[in-house]
Each structure stands twice: as C-alpha cells, then as structure tokens.
Amino acid sequence: MNAAWKIACQVFAAMKAVLLVDDNTSLCHIIADLLRDRSYEVREATAGKDAVQLVRSRRFDVVIADLLLSGELNGIDVLALHNRLSPEKQRILFTAFQSRQLPNICAYIGARYLPKPASLRDLIRLIEGHS
C-alpha cells in the first residue's frame, strides 16, 4: 500500500460517522452540509424505520434525532436502539417538541436533549463534546 493510500485510510477512519434523523429534509440537509464541511461522515434518514435500519447496519459515533418522525417509529425509538447497540456512543434528541419528561427520557436512554430552536453552534458543541 502506498503512503498516500495509507494517509487517506487513516483520515477516513478518524472521521466521526453521524446519523441525522429528521423529517424536515431542508433542516437535515443544512445540518448535514455543515457537518460534512467539518469532515464528518454523514448519513440522513427522514423516517424512523429507515433510521433503525441504518443503526442496525453500521456503528455511528453520533445519532441526532428529532422526536416526531414520519412513520410508526419516533426519535426516542431510534436513540434507544442506538443505546442498546452502541452504549458508548453519543446520542442527541434535537426537537421542537416540548415536554417536562423529555430530559428524563433522554437520560434513561443515554441521550442529550437539545430543544429547537437552538443554534447550529450549540449542536456542533454537543457533537464535539463541549457541553
């Protein structure tokens, strides 16, 4: 293997894999582009069922989900599955839905709670571990 290929493999391996789950495709694309500009590998899903398939098929370093999604599954379902499969990884519930129980539910499934509207800077800080 030549040196350039080794470096490329090391860079790719160091990229954090992020799954964005939101039925608002415009917001999803904006956040995905911002993360890609910061060298994150990003996958997107708009429905809970699609997100669950992605979580089962690969290990994501970070899963960011809205609460209310199209289909039968919601963001809590997706984050809870990610917690069972990869408890050491990071989860963020990023939602405009307001409830006093959400912070407790998030704590139970090992997720951080970030209510919308929040700045994208706040979201990036959570992803990068600067709470």
Protein backbone atom coordinates (compact mmCIF):
# COMPACT_ATOMS: atom_id res chain seq x y z
CA MET A 1 0.00 0.00 0.00
CA ASN A 2 1.45 3.36 -0.96
CA ALA A 3 1.85 6.23 1.52
CA ALA A 4 -0.96 8.38 0.08
CA TRP A 5 -3.42 5.49 0.35
CA LYS A 6 -2.39 4.85 3.97
CA ILE A 7 -2.93 8.51 4.85
CA ALA A 8 -6.34 8.51 3.13
CA CYS A 9 -7.35 5.40 5.08
CA GLN A 10 -6.24 6.98 8.37
CA VAL A 11 -8.18 10.18 7.65
CA PHE A 12 -11.32 8.23 6.73
CA ALA A 13 -11.02 6.06 9.84
CA ALA A 14 -10.71 9.18 12.02
CA MET A 15 -13.91 10.73 10.63
CA LYS A 16 -16.85 10.56 13.00
CA ALA A 17 -19.87 8.83 11.49
CA VAL A 18 -23.07 10.78 12.16
CA LEU A 19 -26.66 9.75 11.51
CA LEU A 20 -29.15 12.63 11.20
CA VAL A 21 -32.80 11.70 11.59
CA ASP A 22 -35.36 14.42 10.89
CA ASP A 23 -38.46 14.54 8.70
CA ASN A 24 -37.63 18.17 7.89
CA THR A 25 -35.42 17.43 4.88
CA SER A 26 -34.32 21.05 4.46
CA LEU A 27 -33.00 21.26 8.01
CA CYS A 28 -31.46 17.80 7.69
CA HIS A 29 -29.55 18.86 4.55
CA ILE A 30 -28.34 22.10 6.16
CA ILE A 31 -27.00 20.28 9.21
CA ALA A 32 -25.51 17.50 7.07
CA ASP A 33 -23.68 20.01 4.87
CA LEU A 34 -22.35 21.84 7.92
CA LEU A 35 -21.07 18.58 9.42
CA ARG A 36 -19.52 17.43 6.14
CA ASP A 37 -17.70 20.76 5.94
CA ARG A 38 -16.25 19.84 9.35
CA SER A 39 -15.09 16.43 7.98
CA TYR A 40 -17.87 14.29 9.44
CA GLU A 41 -19.23 11.34 7.52
CA VAL A 42 -22.99 11.92 7.49
CA ARG A 43 -25.98 9.71 6.66
CA GLU A 44 -29.52 11.05 6.66
CA ALA A 45 -32.91 9.47 7.30
CA THR A 46 -36.35 11.06 7.36
CA ALA A 47 -38.35 8.15 8.79
CA GLY A 48 -37.83 6.15 11.97
CA LYS A 49 -37.92 2.83 10.08
CA ASP A 50 -35.10 3.93 7.77
CA ALA A 51 -33.05 5.21 10.70
CA VAL A 52 -33.47 1.91 12.58
CA GLN A 53 -32.21 0.01 9.52
CA LEU A 54 -29.16 2.26 9.34
CA VAL A 55 -28.44 1.91 13.08
CA ARG A 56 -28.64 -1.86 12.76
CA SER A 57 -26.38 -1.92 9.69
CA ARG A 58 -23.44 0.13 10.99
CA ARG A 59 -21.95 1.78 14.04
CA PHE A 60 -22.48 5.51 14.21
CA ASP A 61 -20.41 7.64 16.56
CA VAL A 62 -23.28 10.11 16.91
CA VAL A 63 -27.01 9.80 16.24
CA ILE A 64 -29.03 13.03 16.17
CA ALA A 65 -32.79 12.57 16.00
CA ASP A 66 -35.90 14.68 16.04
CA LEU A 67 -38.67 13.29 18.24
CA LEU A 68 -41.53 13.35 15.74
CA LEU A 69 -40.76 11.45 12.54
CA SER A 70 -42.80 10.10 9.67
CA GLY A 71 -43.95 6.52 10.15
CA GLU A 72 -44.61 4.50 13.28
CA LEU A 73 -41.22 4.92 14.98
CA ASN A 74 -40.08 8.14 16.64
CA GLY A 75 -36.71 9.61 17.58
CA ILE A 76 -36.77 8.02 21.05
CA ASP A 77 -37.13 4.58 19.41
CA VAL A 78 -34.11 5.26 17.20
CA LEU A 79 -31.96 6.61 20.04
CA ALA A 80 -32.94 3.78 22.39
CA LEU A 81 -31.90 1.19 19.80
CA HIS A 82 -28.59 3.01 19.28
CA ASN A 83 -28.08 2.99 23.05
CA ARG A 84 -28.62 -0.79 23.19
CA LEU A 85 -26.28 -1.47 20.26
CA SER A 86 -23.60 1.16 20.98
CA PRO A 87 -23.94 2.41 24.56
CA GLU A 88 -20.52 4.06 24.46
CA LYS A 89 -21.51 6.29 21.53
CA GLN A 90 -23.27 9.65 21.56
CA ARG A 91 -26.97 10.41 21.08
CA ILE A 92 -28.77 13.76 20.82
CA LEU A 93 -32.51 14.40 20.77
CA PHE A 94 -32.88 17.64 18.78
CA THR A 95 -36.57 18.55 18.78
CA ALA A 96 -39.06 21.40 18.93
CA PHE A 97 -41.49 19.20 20.86
CA GLN A 98 -41.62 20.39 24.46
CA SER A 99 -42.26 18.14 27.44
CA ARG A 100 -41.00 18.11 31.01
CA GLN A 101 -40.42 14.36 30.70
CA LEU A 102 -38.06 14.56 27.71
CA PRO A 103 -34.88 15.32 29.70
CA ASN A 104 -35.58 12.32 31.93
CA ILE A 105 -36.32 10.05 28.98
CA CYS A 106 -33.12 11.22 27.31
CA ALA A 107 -31.12 10.49 30.45
CA TYR A 108 -32.61 6.99 30.59
CA ILE A 109 -31.52 6.20 27.01
CA GLY A 110 -28.15 7.91 27.31
CA ALA A 111 -29.02 10.88 25.10
CA ARG A 112 -28.52 14.61 25.39
CA TYR A 113 -31.58 16.83 24.95
CA LEU A 114 -31.28 19.93 22.78
CA PRO A 115 -34.56 21.78 22.25
CA LYS A 116 -35.23 23.57 18.96
CA PRO A 117 -34.77 26.30 18.14
CA ALA A 118 -31.13 26.05 19.09
CA SER A 119 -28.18 27.41 17.22
CA LEU A 120 -26.23 25.10 14.99
CA ARG A 121 -23.22 26.18 17.03
CA ASP A 122 -24.84 24.61 20.12
CA LEU A 123 -25.45 21.39 18.19
CA ILE A 124 -21.82 21.29 16.98
CA ARG A 125 -20.60 21.90 20.53
CA LEU A 126 -22.59 18.91 21.77
CA ILE A 127 -21.32 16.69 18.95
CA GLU A 128 -17.76 17.71 19.63
CA GLY A 129 -18.12 17.15 23.36
CA HIS A 130 -18.20 20.75 24.57
CA SER A 131 -21.45 20.78 26.55
